[in-house]
Amino acid sequence: MPGRPDGDASWPDVERSADAELDDVLKNCKFTRKQLRSRRGRYPTLSMGFSYGGGQTEPTNMKAKNASQDKACARLRAHGPLKRMAGFASSAYYTSSPLKWTIHDEVLKDLRAQNPSLTPPYPNSIFPAATFNFGPRVATAPHRDYYNVPYGWCAITALGKYDPKHGGHLILWDLKLVIEFPPGSTILIPSALITHSNTPIRRGETRRSFTQYCAGGLMRWHSYGNRTAAALQQEAPELKAALNASIDKRAAEALAQFRVWEAESEDEDRPQ
């Protein structure tokens, strides 16, 4: 868990400013019914960036549903503290899995070179998409984010005014872990693979969050030569068959992109 930048005395102010920004955006934004209630929970959400899937014929930018959401997205993109938090999560991604980060960065840069209109939420972050959960009392139901890259990290950043000793914990159900998740902290998880949720907070407290992620469809589109599966089958059936036959090999290669953290040696020289 990256947590927060070590020794950065300004980080509490960064967190408070980001939390206040989400609170103000919530007051000035109109949401659709689908944005107010989903399988993840009952709270307003807003997504931005670019993605591919769900019937799209090519990677495209997520579209706001109304003028108030256009303004909200512009505010969230321009907000300095949110941009800092997004950049920290991206740096943590690189620190934990530099090979994976580099491969994903190359793919996403290539996609944007093919289509310069594709716009990520924050230019200092590798993630092509972000979702803001406005709360004010976000507690997600157990779920997996099936459409995210299964072998990629998803960054979750917590905001709000709550006591992390008493609520807001992150639960990783498959690993049987319950993790304290203080406001202003970030964690990286493979959200498509692990069932996760949050515990409720106490009465009178607030909790919000925002996530950064990459749709698995973007990687598939790129591996198919910037085309749909149907187009690949029609235009290059031999390549499609070869990709289908190499699923196990490609899964092993994706797993190898994770960095293995080894325990320090007992006899290693250490400062006293």
Protein backbone atom coordinates (compact mmCIF):
# COMPACT_ATOMS: atom_id res chain seq x y z
CA MET A 1 0.00 0.00 0.00
CA PRO A 2 1.70 3.25 -1.10
CA GLY A 3 -0.16 5.26 1.57
CA ARG A 4 1.07 8.81 1.18
CA PRO A 5 4.37 10.54 0.34
CA ASP A 6 6.90 10.10 3.14
CA GLY A 7 7.92 13.28 4.92
CA ASP A 8 5.60 15.58 2.92
CA ALA A 9 4.26 18.04 5.48
CA SER A 10 1.95 19.58 2.88
CA TRP A 11 0.02 16.36 2.22
CA PRO A 12 -2.71 16.90 4.85
CA ASP A 13 -3.50 20.22 3.15
CA VAL A 14 -3.53 18.47 -0.23
CA GLU A 15 -6.03 15.93 1.09
CA ARG A 16 -8.27 18.55 2.72
CA SER A 17 -8.33 20.66 -0.45
CA ALA A 18 -9.17 17.66 -2.64
CA ASP A 19 -11.94 16.61 -0.25
CA ALA A 20 -13.40 20.12 -0.20
CA GLU A 21 -13.29 20.26 -4.00
CA LEU A 22 -15.29 17.04 -4.33
CA ASP A 23 -17.79 18.33 -1.78
CA ASP A 24 -18.28 21.57 -3.73
CA VAL A 25 -18.54 19.77 -7.06
CA LEU A 26 -21.21 17.51 -5.55
CA LYS A 27 -23.32 20.55 -4.64
CA ASN A 28 -23.15 21.95 -8.17
CA CYS A 29 -23.50 18.85 -10.33
CA LYS A 30 -26.59 17.06 -11.64
CA PHE A 31 -26.35 13.27 -11.88
CA THR A 32 -28.34 10.68 -13.81
CA ARG A 33 -30.11 7.87 -11.98
CA LYS A 34 -27.44 5.41 -13.11
CA GLN A 35 -24.75 7.68 -11.66
CA LEU A 36 -26.53 7.75 -8.30
CA ARG A 37 -26.88 4.00 -7.85
CA SER A 38 -24.81 1.09 -9.12
CA ARG A 39 -23.77 -2.40 -8.07
CA ARG A 40 -20.88 -0.79 -6.18
CA GLY A 41 -23.10 1.33 -3.93
CA ARG A 42 -25.56 4.17 -3.58
CA TYR A 43 -23.66 7.43 -4.01
CA PRO A 44 -23.05 9.90 -6.87
CA THR A 45 -20.22 9.06 -9.28
CA LEU A 46 -18.62 10.82 -12.22
CA SER A 47 -16.09 9.32 -14.64
CA MET A 48 -13.71 10.93 -17.11
CA GLY A 49 -10.84 9.98 -19.37
CA PHE A 50 -10.94 7.45 -22.19
CA SER A 51 -11.96 3.82 -22.39
CA TYR A 52 -13.05 1.04 -24.72
CA GLY A 53 -15.75 -1.57 -24.25
CA GLY A 54 -19.47 -1.87 -23.74
CA GLY A 55 -20.32 -1.81 -27.43
CA GLN A 56 -17.90 0.95 -28.46
CA THR A 57 -16.45 0.55 -31.95
CA GLU A 58 -13.15 2.23 -30.97
CA PRO A 59 -11.52 3.83 -27.91
CA THR A 60 -13.29 7.09 -27.06
CA ASN A 61 -13.43 9.72 -24.36
CA MET A 62 -16.11 9.35 -21.73
CA LYS A 63 -18.82 11.95 -22.23
CA ALA A 64 -20.47 14.10 -19.59
CA LYS A 65 -24.24 13.75 -19.38
CA ASN A 66 -25.04 17.46 -19.07
CA ALA A 67 -23.50 20.93 -18.87
CA SER A 68 -23.02 20.78 -15.09
CA GLN A 69 -20.93 17.63 -15.51
CA ASP A 70 -18.83 19.30 -18.20
CA LYS A 71 -18.03 22.05 -15.70
CA ALA A 72 -17.39 19.49 -12.95
CA CYS A 73 -14.92 17.53 -15.08
CA ALA A 74 -13.09 20.73 -16.03
CA ARG A 75 -12.79 21.66 -12.34
CA LEU A 76 -11.58 18.23 -11.31
CA ARG A 77 -8.96 18.17 -14.07
CA ALA A 78 -7.66 21.63 -13.15
CA HIS A 79 -7.54 21.12 -9.38
CA GLY A 80 -3.88 21.07 -8.32
CA PRO A 81 -4.20 18.86 -5.21
CA LEU A 82 -6.19 16.21 -7.12
CA LYS A 83 -3.55 16.30 -9.84
CA ARG A 84 -0.83 15.77 -7.20
CA MET A 85 -2.67 12.80 -5.75
CA ALA A 86 -3.16 11.31 -9.21
CA GLY A 87 0.53 11.72 -9.95
CA PHE A 88 1.52 10.11 -6.66
CA ALA A 89 -0.60 7.06 -7.48
CA SER A 90 1.05 6.80 -10.90
CA SER A 91 4.52 7.04 -9.31
CA ALA A 92 3.56 4.33 -6.83
CA TYR A 93 2.49 2.16 -9.79
CA TYR A 94 5.94 2.56 -11.33
CA THR A 95 7.72 1.86 -8.04
CA SER A 96 5.79 -1.35 -7.43
CA SER A 97 5.78 -2.65 -11.03
CA PRO A 98 8.16 -0.72 -13.32
CA LEU A 99 7.96 -3.25 -16.15
CA LYS A 100 4.17 -3.30 -16.12
CA TRP A 101 4.05 0.52 -15.94
CA THR A 102 6.41 0.87 -18.90
CA ILE A 103 4.51 -1.62 -21.07
CA HIS A 104 1.17 0.04 -20.32
CA ASP A 105 2.65 3.49 -20.87
CA GLU A 106 3.91 2.46 -24.33
CA VAL A 107 0.52 1.02 -25.29
CA LEU A 108 -1.41 4.07 -24.10
CA LYS A 109 0.99 6.47 -25.84
CA ASP A 110 0.56 4.50 -29.06
CA LEU A 111 -3.23 4.65 -28.75
CA ARG A 112 -3.08 8.43 -28.28
CA ALA A 113 -0.71 8.77 -31.22
CA GLN A 114 -3.30 6.94 -33.35
CA ASN A 115 -6.07 9.12 -31.94
CA PRO A 116 -4.80 12.44 -30.47
CA SER A 117 -8.29 13.34 -29.23
CA LEU A 118 -8.06 10.72 -26.46
CA THR A 119 -7.58 12.64 -23.21
CA PRO A 120 -6.56 11.10 -19.85
CA PRO A 121 -7.85 12.74 -16.66
CA TYR A 122 -4.39 13.93 -15.59
CA PRO A 123 -1.30 14.32 -17.80
CA ASN A 124 1.03 13.37 -14.93
CA SER A 125 -0.65 9.98 -14.39
CA ILE A 126 -0.42 6.80 -16.45
CA PHE A 127 -4.08 5.95 -15.88
CA PRO A 128 -6.40 6.70 -18.84
CA ALA A 129 -9.58 6.93 -16.72
CA ALA A 130 -10.78 8.03 -13.30
CA THR A 131 -14.05 7.78 -11.37
CA PHE A 132 -14.94 10.14 -8.53
CA ASN A 133 -17.17 8.82 -5.75
CA PHE A 134 -18.69 11.86 -4.08
CA GLY A 135 -20.37 10.30 -1.09
CA PRO A 136 -20.62 11.98 1.29
CA ARG A 137 -20.53 8.55 2.98
CA VAL A 138 -18.99 6.19 0.42
CA ALA A 139 -19.04 2.52 1.44
CA THR A 140 -18.80 0.21 -1.55
CA ALA A 141 -20.49 -3.17 -1.72
CA PRO A 142 -18.33 -6.25 -2.42
CA HIS A 143 -17.50 -6.24 -6.12
CA ARG A 144 -14.90 -6.76 -8.81
CA ASP A 145 -14.25 -4.28 -11.61
CA TYR A 146 -14.43 -6.84 -14.40
CA TYR A 147 -13.73 -4.46 -17.27
CA ASN A 148 -10.39 -3.22 -15.91
CA VAL A 149 -7.11 -4.75 -17.07
CA PRO A 150 -6.97 -7.94 -14.96
CA TYR A 151 -3.17 -7.87 -14.67
CA GLY A 152 -2.98 -4.10 -14.07
CA TRP A 153 -3.14 -1.97 -10.98
CA CYS A 154 -6.13 0.14 -10.03
CA ALA A 155 -5.41 3.10 -7.73
CA ILE A 156 -7.89 3.94 -4.97
CA THR A 157 -7.47 7.20 -3.05
CA ALA A 158 -9.55 7.89 0.06
CA LEU A 159 -10.75 11.34 1.12
CA GLY A 160 -12.97 12.68 3.89
CA LYS A 161 -13.26 13.31 7.59
CA TYR A 162 -13.46 9.96 9.39
CA ASP A 163 -11.53 7.94 11.94
CA PRO A 164 -9.83 5.08 10.05
CA LYS A 165 -9.65 3.07 13.28
CA HIS A 166 -13.45 2.86 13.34
CA GLY A 167 -14.48 2.74 9.69
CA GLY A 168 -13.61 3.14 6.04
CA HIS A 169 -11.49 -0.03 6.04
CA LEU A 170 -10.71 -1.72 2.74
CA ILE A 171 -11.75 -5.37 2.67
CA LEU A 172 -10.01 -7.73 0.24
CA TRP A 173 -12.35 -10.69 0.52
CA ASP A 174 -10.34 -13.28 -1.43
CA LEU A 175 -7.24 -12.57 0.65
CA LYS A 176 -9.19 -12.37 3.94
CA LEU A 177 -7.66 -8.98 4.69
CA VAL A 178 -9.17 -5.91 6.36
CA ILE A 179 -6.92 -2.88 5.93
CA GLU A 180 -7.07 0.51 7.68
CA PHE A 181 -7.47 3.13 4.97
CA PRO A 182 -6.88 6.68 6.29
CA PRO A 183 -8.01 9.79 4.40
CA GLY A 184 -5.38 11.03 1.97
CA SER A 185 -3.99 7.53 1.39
CA THR A 186 -3.74 5.52 -1.82
CA ILE A 187 -3.70 1.77 -2.40
CA LEU A 188 -3.06 -0.24 -5.56
CA ILE A 189 -5.01 -3.44 -6.19
CA PRO A 190 -5.84 -5.63 -9.23
CA SER A 191 -9.48 -4.62 -8.96
CA ALA A 192 -10.67 -6.95 -11.73
CA LEU A 193 -9.35 -10.01 -9.88
CA ILE A 194 -9.99 -9.32 -6.19
CA THR A 195 -13.40 -8.84 -4.60
CA HIS A 196 -13.21 -5.65 -2.53
CA SER A 197 -15.40 -3.30 -0.54
CA ASN A 198 -15.31 -0.73 2.27
CA THR A 199 -16.69 -0.76 5.78
CA PRO A 200 -19.16 2.01 6.74
CA ILE A 201 -18.00 5.05 8.69
CA ARG A 202 -19.54 6.43 11.88
CA ARG A 203 -22.46 8.82 12.06
CA GLY A 204 -21.44 12.41 11.41
CA GLU A 205 -18.34 11.44 9.41
CA THR A 206 -17.74 11.80 5.67
CA ARG A 207 -15.84 9.65 3.18
CA ARG A 208 -15.24 10.13 -0.53
CA SER A 209 -12.80 8.51 -2.92
CA PHE A 210 -11.53 8.49 -6.46
CA THR A 211 -10.16 5.62 -8.47
CA GLN A 212 -7.83 5.51 -11.45
CA TYR A 213 -7.80 2.55 -13.81
CA CYS A 214 -7.38 1.22 -17.34
CA ALA A 215 -10.02 -0.67 -19.30
CA GLY A 216 -8.88 -4.08 -20.44
CA GLY A 217 -10.50 -3.36 -23.80
CA LEU A 218 -7.81 -0.77 -24.56
CA MET A 219 -5.07 -3.39 -24.31
CA ARG A 220 -7.11 -5.85 -26.38
CA TRP A 221 -7.80 -3.22 -29.06
CA HIS A 222 -4.06 -2.51 -29.28
CA SER A 223 -3.05 -6.18 -29.41
CA TYR A 224 -5.59 -6.67 -32.23
CA GLY A 225 -3.83 -4.01 -34.31
CA ASN A 226 -6.16 -1.14 -33.32
CA ARG A 227 -9.35 -2.90 -34.42
CA THR A 228 -12.27 -4.85 -33.02
CA ALA A 229 -12.27 -8.61 -32.53
CA ALA A 230 -14.75 -8.93 -35.39
CA ALA A 231 -12.54 -6.90 -37.70
CA LEU A 232 -9.49 -8.95 -36.73
CA GLN A 233 -11.35 -12.18 -37.43
CA GLN A 234 -12.37 -10.93 -40.85
CA GLU A 235 -9.09 -9.27 -41.85
CA ALA A 236 -6.51 -11.55 -40.20
CA PRO A 237 -8.10 -14.82 -39.03
CA GLU A 238 -4.71 -16.52 -38.67
CA LEU A 239 -3.52 -13.84 -36.24
CA LYS A 240 -6.79 -14.11 -34.28
CA ALA A 241 -6.34 -17.88 -34.02
CA ALA A 242 -2.73 -17.47 -32.91
CA LEU A 243 -3.73 -14.98 -30.20
CA ASN A 244 -6.48 -17.30 -28.97
CA ALA A 245 -4.07 -20.22 -28.83
CA SER A 246 -1.49 -18.25 -26.84
CA ILE A 247 -3.77 -17.25 -23.97
CA ASP A 248 -1.88 -19.29 -21.36
CA LYS A 249 1.48 -17.95 -22.53
CA ARG A 250 0.28 -14.37 -22.49
CA ALA A 251 -1.24 -14.85 -19.04
CA ALA A 252 2.14 -16.06 -17.75
CA GLU A 253 3.86 -13.08 -19.34
CA ALA A 254 1.35 -10.71 -17.71
CA LEU A 255 1.92 -12.35 -14.32
CA ALA A 256 5.68 -11.93 -14.76
CA GLN A 257 5.16 -8.17 -15.05
CA PHE A 258 4.40 -8.02 -11.33
CA ARG A 259 7.43 -7.18 -9.23
CA VAL A 260 8.36 -9.65 -6.47
CA TRP A 261 9.38 -7.99 -3.23
CA GLU A 262 11.98 -10.10 -1.47
CA ALA A 263 12.64 -9.92 2.25
CA GLU A 264 15.93 -8.34 3.24
CA SER A 265 18.67 -10.79 4.13
CA GLU A 266 19.25 -11.38 7.84
CA ASP A 267 22.99 -10.92 7.46
CA GLU A 268 22.76 -7.81 5.31
CA ASP A 269 24.63 -4.76 6.58
CA ARG A 270 22.19 -2.31 8.10
CA PRO A 271 22.63 1.05 9.80
CA GLN A 272 22.66 0.74 13.57
